[in-house]
Amino acid sequence: MSPLAVCCLVLSAVAEHPLHQLAESISSLLILAAGLATTMLFHSCAVVPGLAYAFLRQSPLPHMQGVGRAVATAFGSASSAVTLPISIRCCENLGYRPGVIRFVLSLGTTISMVGPMRS
């Protein structure tokens, strides 16, 4: 019932305002989405590889190509737990040490899981 309720709320908000205000809101939202996408693309294609090269003095391209399948799975499933086995396999294929792979990826997976906060 939640999607139906949200749809009704959005439709009522649209019906209460003139059409030109809706067009302004949509254009603002598109500008925000384009800015976010551009920033994320710049970060993942320039900042992170630049830092990797600065610290390791190696091209980050082979690593980025090697983890492509894991990245595609992460975007498709939006689940760290689903992506973990594929990430492990990709890193093993790149020749990283298995002990380091399993520790780092498992730790990163559990840290990124969002759950209820308890005090």
N, C-alpha and C. Protein backbone atom coordinates (compact mmCIF):
# COMPACT_ATOMS: atom_id res chain seq x y z
N MET A 1 0.81 -1.20 0.00
CA MET A 1 0.00 0.00 0.00
C MET A 1 0.86 1.28 0.00
N SER A 2 2.09 1.17 0.46
CA SER A 2 2.95 2.36 0.53
C SER A 2 3.18 3.01 -0.83
N PRO A 3 3.50 2.25 -1.88
CA PRO A 3 3.68 2.91 -3.18
C PRO A 3 2.42 3.64 -3.65
N LEU A 4 1.28 3.06 -3.39
CA LEU A 4 0.02 3.70 -3.79
C LEU A 4 -0.17 5.00 -3.00
N ALA A 5 0.14 4.97 -1.71
CA ALA A 5 0.00 6.17 -0.88
C ALA A 5 0.95 7.28 -1.34
N VAL A 6 2.19 6.92 -1.66
CA VAL A 6 3.15 7.90 -2.14
C VAL A 6 2.70 8.47 -3.48
N CYS A 7 2.20 7.62 -4.35
CA CYS A 7 1.69 8.08 -5.65
C CYS A 7 0.54 9.07 -5.46
N CYS A 8 -0.36 8.78 -4.55
CA CYS A 8 -1.48 9.68 -4.28
C CYS A 8 -1.00 11.02 -3.73
N LEU A 9 -0.01 11.00 -2.84
CA LEU A 9 0.54 12.24 -2.31
C LEU A 9 1.19 13.08 -3.40
N VAL A 10 1.94 12.43 -4.29
CA VAL A 10 2.59 13.15 -5.38
C VAL A 10 1.54 13.72 -6.32
N LEU A 11 0.53 12.94 -6.66
CA LEU A 11 -0.51 13.42 -7.56
C LEU A 11 -1.29 14.58 -6.95
N SER A 12 -1.55 14.54 -5.67
CA SER A 12 -2.26 15.65 -5.03
C SER A 12 -1.40 16.92 -5.02
N ALA A 13 -0.09 16.76 -4.82
CA ALA A 13 0.80 17.93 -4.85
C ALA A 13 0.87 18.51 -6.26
N VAL A 14 0.87 17.64 -7.27
CA VAL A 14 0.90 18.11 -8.66
C VAL A 14 -0.40 18.82 -9.00
N ALA A 15 -1.52 18.29 -8.55
CA ALA A 15 -2.82 18.86 -8.88
C ALA A 15 -3.03 20.22 -8.21
N GLU A 16 -2.40 20.48 -7.08
CA GLU A 16 -2.58 21.74 -6.35
C GLU A 16 -1.80 22.90 -6.95
N HIS A 17 -0.80 22.63 -7.77
CA HIS A 17 0.07 23.68 -8.30
C HIS A 17 -0.11 23.82 -9.81
N PRO A 18 0.11 25.03 -10.32
CA PRO A 18 0.02 25.23 -11.77
C PRO A 18 1.11 24.45 -12.51
N LEU A 19 0.88 24.22 -13.78
CA LEU A 19 1.78 23.40 -14.60
C LEU A 19 3.17 24.02 -14.73
N HIS A 20 3.28 25.35 -14.79
CA HIS A 20 4.60 25.96 -14.95
C HIS A 20 5.47 25.75 -13.70
N GLN A 21 4.86 25.65 -12.52
CA GLN A 21 5.63 25.36 -11.32
C GLN A 21 6.14 23.92 -11.35
N LEU A 22 5.35 23.02 -11.89
CA LEU A 22 5.78 21.63 -12.02
C LEU A 22 6.98 21.55 -12.97
N ALA A 23 6.92 22.28 -14.08
CA ALA A 23 8.03 22.28 -15.04
C ALA A 23 9.30 22.84 -14.39
N GLU A 24 9.17 23.88 -13.58
CA GLU A 24 10.32 24.44 -12.88
C GLU A 24 10.91 23.43 -11.90
N SER A 25 10.05 22.74 -11.20
CA SER A 25 10.52 21.74 -10.23
C SER A 25 11.24 20.59 -10.93
N ILE A 26 10.68 20.14 -12.04
CA ILE A 26 11.31 19.04 -12.78
C ILE A 26 12.65 19.48 -13.35
N SER A 27 12.74 20.71 -13.87
CA SER A 27 14.02 21.17 -14.42
C SER A 27 15.06 21.31 -13.31
N SER A 28 14.65 21.77 -12.14
CA SER A 28 15.58 21.85 -11.01
C SER A 28 16.06 20.47 -10.59
N LEU A 29 15.15 19.53 -10.57
CA LEU A 29 15.51 18.15 -10.22
C LEU A 29 16.47 17.55 -11.24
N LEU A 30 16.25 17.82 -12.52
CA LEU A 30 17.14 17.31 -13.56
C LEU A 30 18.53 17.93 -13.45
N ILE A 31 18.60 19.22 -13.13
CA ILE A 31 19.90 19.87 -12.94
C ILE A 31 20.63 19.24 -11.76
N LEU A 32 19.91 18.99 -10.68
CA LEU A 32 20.50 18.34 -9.51
C LEU A 32 21.01 16.94 -9.85
N ALA A 33 20.21 16.17 -10.57
CA ALA A 33 20.60 14.81 -10.95
C ALA A 33 21.81 14.83 -11.88
N ALA A 34 21.85 15.76 -12.82
CA ALA A 34 22.99 15.86 -13.74
C ALA A 34 24.26 16.25 -12.98
N GLY A 35 24.14 17.17 -12.04
CA GLY A 35 25.29 17.56 -11.24
C GLY A 35 25.81 16.41 -10.39
N LEU A 36 24.91 15.66 -9.81
CA LEU A 36 25.30 14.51 -8.99
C LEU A 36 25.99 13.45 -9.84
N ALA A 37 25.42 13.14 -11.01
CA ALA A 37 26.02 12.14 -11.89
C ALA A 37 27.40 12.58 -12.37
N THR A 38 27.54 13.86 -12.71
CA THR A 38 28.83 14.38 -13.16
C THR A 38 29.87 14.31 -12.05
N THR A 39 29.47 14.67 -10.85
CA THR A 39 30.39 14.64 -9.71
C THR A 39 30.84 13.22 -9.40
N MET A 40 29.90 12.28 -9.41
CA MET A 40 30.25 10.89 -9.14
C MET A 40 31.17 10.32 -10.22
N LEU A 41 30.90 10.66 -11.47
CA LEU A 41 31.73 10.20 -12.57
C LEU A 41 33.14 10.77 -12.47
N PHE A 42 33.24 12.06 -12.16
CA PHE A 42 34.56 12.68 -11.98
C PHE A 42 35.32 12.03 -10.83
N HIS A 43 34.62 11.78 -9.73
CA HIS A 43 35.27 11.17 -8.56
C HIS A 43 35.79 9.77 -8.89
N SER A 44 34.96 8.96 -9.55
CA SER A 44 35.38 7.58 -9.81
C SER A 44 36.35 7.44 -10.97
N CYS A 45 36.37 8.41 -11.88
CA CYS A 45 37.27 8.30 -13.04
C CYS A 45 38.51 9.18 -12.95
N ALA A 46 38.53 10.16 -12.06
CA ALA A 46 39.69 11.05 -11.96
C ALA A 46 40.30 11.07 -10.56
N VAL A 47 39.49 11.30 -9.54
CA VAL A 47 40.04 11.46 -8.19
C VAL A 47 40.60 10.14 -7.64
N VAL A 48 39.80 9.10 -7.66
CA VAL A 48 40.24 7.81 -7.10
C VAL A 48 41.43 7.23 -7.88
N PRO A 49 41.38 7.18 -9.23
CA PRO A 49 42.57 6.70 -9.95
C PRO A 49 43.79 7.60 -9.73
N GLY A 50 43.58 8.91 -9.61
CA GLY A 50 44.70 9.81 -9.34
C GLY A 50 45.36 9.53 -8.00
N LEU A 51 44.54 9.31 -6.99
CA LEU A 51 45.09 8.96 -5.67
C LEU A 51 45.80 7.61 -5.70
N ALA A 52 45.23 6.65 -6.42
CA ALA A 52 45.85 5.33 -6.52
C ALA A 52 47.22 5.45 -7.20
N TYR A 53 47.29 6.24 -8.26
CA TYR A 53 48.57 6.41 -8.95
C TYR A 53 49.57 7.17 -8.07
N ALA A 54 49.09 8.17 -7.33
CA ALA A 54 49.98 8.95 -6.48
C ALA A 54 50.60 8.11 -5.38
N PHE A 55 49.84 7.20 -4.81
CA PHE A 55 50.36 6.39 -3.71
C PHE A 55 51.08 5.13 -4.17
N LEU A 56 50.60 4.50 -5.24
CA LEU A 56 51.16 3.22 -5.68
C LEU A 56 52.14 3.34 -6.83
N ARG A 57 52.12 4.45 -7.53
CA ARG A 57 52.95 4.66 -8.71
C ARG A 57 52.74 3.57 -9.76
N GLN A 58 51.49 3.11 -9.85
CA GLN A 58 51.10 2.14 -10.88
C GLN A 58 49.80 2.61 -11.49
N SER A 59 49.58 2.20 -12.72
CA SER A 59 48.34 2.56 -13.37
C SER A 59 47.17 1.81 -12.72
N PRO A 60 46.10 2.51 -12.35
CA PRO A 60 44.95 1.84 -11.75
C PRO A 60 44.03 1.19 -12.79
N LEU A 61 44.35 1.33 -14.07
CA LEU A 61 43.50 0.80 -15.13
C LEU A 61 43.30 -0.71 -15.07
N PRO A 62 44.35 -1.53 -14.88
CA PRO A 62 44.11 -2.98 -14.81
C PRO A 62 43.17 -3.38 -13.67
N HIS A 63 43.30 -2.69 -12.52
CA HIS A 63 42.41 -2.99 -11.40
C HIS A 63 40.98 -2.60 -11.73
N MET A 64 40.80 -1.43 -12.32
CA MET A 64 39.45 -0.96 -12.66
C MET A 64 38.80 -1.89 -13.69
N GLN A 65 39.58 -2.38 -14.64
CA GLN A 65 39.03 -3.31 -15.62
C GLN A 65 38.72 -4.66 -14.97
N GLY A 66 39.55 -5.08 -14.03
CA GLY A 66 39.39 -6.38 -13.39
C GLY A 66 38.18 -6.47 -12.47
N VAL A 67 37.76 -5.35 -11.90
CA VAL A 67 36.62 -5.37 -10.99
C VAL A 67 35.33 -4.90 -11.66
N GLY A 68 35.33 -4.79 -12.96
CA GLY A 68 34.15 -4.32 -13.69
C GLY A 68 32.91 -5.16 -13.43
N ARG A 69 33.07 -6.47 -13.37
CA ARG A 69 31.93 -7.35 -13.13
C ARG A 69 31.35 -7.13 -11.73
N ALA A 70 32.22 -6.93 -10.76
CA ALA A 70 31.75 -6.68 -9.40
C ALA A 70 31.01 -5.35 -9.31
N VAL A 71 31.51 -4.35 -10.00
CA VAL A 71 30.86 -3.03 -10.00
C VAL A 71 29.48 -3.13 -10.65
N ALA A 72 29.39 -3.86 -11.77
CA ALA A 72 28.10 -4.02 -12.44
C ALA A 72 27.12 -4.76 -11.55
N THR A 73 27.58 -5.77 -10.83
CA THR A 73 26.71 -6.50 -9.91
C THR A 73 26.27 -5.61 -8.76
N ALA A 74 27.17 -4.79 -8.25
CA ALA A 74 26.83 -3.89 -7.15
C ALA A 74 25.76 -2.90 -7.57
N PHE A 75 25.89 -2.32 -8.77
CA PHE A 75 24.87 -1.38 -9.23
C PHE A 75 23.55 -2.09 -9.51
N GLY A 76 23.63 -3.31 -10.02
CA GLY A 76 22.41 -4.04 -10.37
C GLY A 76 21.65 -4.57 -9.17
N SER A 77 22.37 -4.96 -8.12
CA SER A 77 21.69 -5.58 -6.98
C SER A 77 21.54 -4.64 -5.79
N ALA A 78 22.41 -3.63 -5.69
CA ALA A 78 22.42 -2.71 -4.55
C ALA A 78 22.55 -3.45 -3.23
N SER A 79 23.31 -4.56 -3.26
CA SER A 79 23.49 -5.36 -2.06
C SER A 79 24.96 -5.74 -1.90
N SER A 80 25.54 -5.40 -0.77
CA SER A 80 26.93 -5.76 -0.50
C SER A 80 27.10 -7.26 -0.36
N ALA A 81 26.12 -7.91 0.24
CA ALA A 81 26.21 -9.35 0.46
C ALA A 81 26.18 -10.13 -0.86
N VAL A 82 25.41 -9.66 -1.81
CA VAL A 82 25.33 -10.32 -3.12
C VAL A 82 26.62 -10.08 -3.90
N THR A 83 27.20 -8.92 -3.76
CA THR A 83 28.39 -8.55 -4.52
C THR A 83 29.66 -9.18 -3.96
N LEU A 84 29.67 -9.55 -2.69
CA LEU A 84 30.88 -10.04 -2.03
C LEU A 84 31.54 -11.22 -2.75
N PRO A 85 30.83 -12.31 -3.09
CA PRO A 85 31.52 -13.42 -3.74
C PRO A 85 32.11 -13.05 -5.11
N ILE A 86 31.44 -12.20 -5.83
CA ILE A 86 31.94 -11.78 -7.14
C ILE A 86 33.16 -10.89 -6.97
N SER A 87 33.13 -10.03 -5.96
CA SER A 87 34.29 -9.17 -5.67
C SER A 87 35.50 -10.01 -5.29
N ILE A 88 35.28 -11.02 -4.48
CA ILE A 88 36.37 -11.92 -4.08
C ILE A 88 36.96 -12.60 -5.31
N ARG A 89 36.11 -13.11 -6.18
CA ARG A 89 36.57 -13.79 -7.38
C ARG A 89 37.35 -12.84 -8.30
N CYS A 90 36.86 -11.61 -8.45
CA CYS A 90 37.55 -10.63 -9.29
C CYS A 90 38.94 -10.30 -8.73
N CYS A 91 39.02 -10.12 -7.42
CA CYS A 91 40.30 -9.79 -6.80
C CYS A 91 41.28 -10.97 -6.86
N GLU A 92 40.77 -12.18 -6.72
CA GLU A 92 41.64 -13.36 -6.86
C GLU A 92 42.18 -13.46 -8.28
N ASN A 93 41.34 -13.14 -9.27
CA ASN A 93 41.80 -13.16 -10.66
C ASN A 93 42.84 -12.10 -10.94
N LEU A 94 42.82 -11.01 -10.17
CA LEU A 94 43.82 -9.96 -10.32
C LEU A 94 45.14 -10.32 -9.64
N GLY A 95 45.14 -11.38 -8.83
CA GLY A 95 46.38 -11.84 -8.21
C GLY A 95 46.64 -11.31 -6.82
N TYR A 96 45.64 -10.75 -6.17
CA TYR A 96 45.83 -10.27 -4.80
C TYR A 96 45.87 -11.45 -3.84
N ARG A 97 46.48 -11.26 -2.68
CA ARG A 97 46.59 -12.34 -1.70
C ARG A 97 45.23 -12.70 -1.12
N PRO A 98 44.87 -13.99 -1.10
CA PRO A 98 43.54 -14.41 -0.64
C PRO A 98 43.22 -14.00 0.80
N GLY A 99 44.19 -14.05 1.70
CA GLY A 99 43.94 -13.67 3.09
C GLY A 99 43.56 -12.20 3.21
N VAL A 100 44.26 -11.36 2.47
CA VAL A 100 43.98 -9.93 2.49
C VAL A 100 42.62 -9.66 1.85
N ILE A 101 42.36 -10.34 0.74
CA ILE A 101 41.08 -10.15 0.03
C ILE A 101 39.91 -10.46 0.95
N ARG A 102 39.93 -11.62 1.55
CA ARG A 102 38.79 -12.05 2.37
C ARG A 102 38.61 -11.17 3.61
N PHE A 103 39.70 -10.72 4.21
CA PHE A 103 39.58 -9.84 5.38
C PHE A 103 39.02 -8.48 4.99
N VAL A 104 39.63 -7.85 4.00
CA VAL A 104 39.26 -6.49 3.63
C VAL A 104 37.85 -6.43 3.06
N LEU A 105 37.52 -7.33 2.14
CA LEU A 105 36.20 -7.29 1.52
C LEU A 105 35.10 -7.66 2.52
N SER A 106 35.35 -8.62 3.38
CA SER A 106 34.34 -8.98 4.39
C SER A 106 34.12 -7.83 5.37
N LEU A 107 35.19 -7.20 5.78
CA LEU A 107 35.07 -6.06 6.69
C LEU A 107 34.33 -4.91 6.01
N GLY A 108 34.69 -4.61 4.79
CA GLY A 108 34.01 -3.54 4.05
C GLY A 108 32.54 -3.83 3.83
N THR A 109 32.21 -5.10 3.59
CA THR A 109 30.81 -5.47 3.37
C THR A 109 29.99 -5.28 4.64
N THR A 110 30.51 -5.71 5.76
CA THR A 110 29.73 -5.59 7.00
C THR A 110 29.66 -4.16 7.49
N ILE A 111 30.68 -3.36 7.23
CA ILE A 111 30.64 -1.95 7.65
C ILE A 111 29.61 -1.18 6.84
N SER A 112 29.49 -1.51 5.55
CA SER A 112 28.58 -0.74 4.69
C SER A 112 27.12 -1.17 4.85
N MET A 113 26.85 -2.24 5.57
CA MET A 113 25.46 -2.66 5.76
C MET A 113 24.76 -1.70 6.73
N VAL A 114 23.61 -1.24 6.33
CA VAL A 114 22.85 -0.32 7.15
C VAL A 114 21.78 -1.11 7.89
N GLY A 115 21.77 -0.96 9.19
CA GLY A 115 20.78 -1.66 10.00
C GLY A 115 20.21 -0.75 11.04
N PRO A 116 19.30 -1.26 11.84
CA PRO A 116 18.71 -0.41 12.89
C PRO A 116 19.75 -0.04 13.94
N MET A 117 19.71 1.19 14.36
CA MET A 117 20.65 1.67 15.37
C MET A 117 20.05 1.34 16.75
N ARG A 118 20.86 0.76 17.59
CA ARG A 118 20.41 0.44 18.94
C ARG A 118 21.32 1.13 19.93
N SER A 119 20.73 1.62 20.99
CA SER A 119 21.54 2.31 22.00
C SER A 119 21.80 1.44 23.18
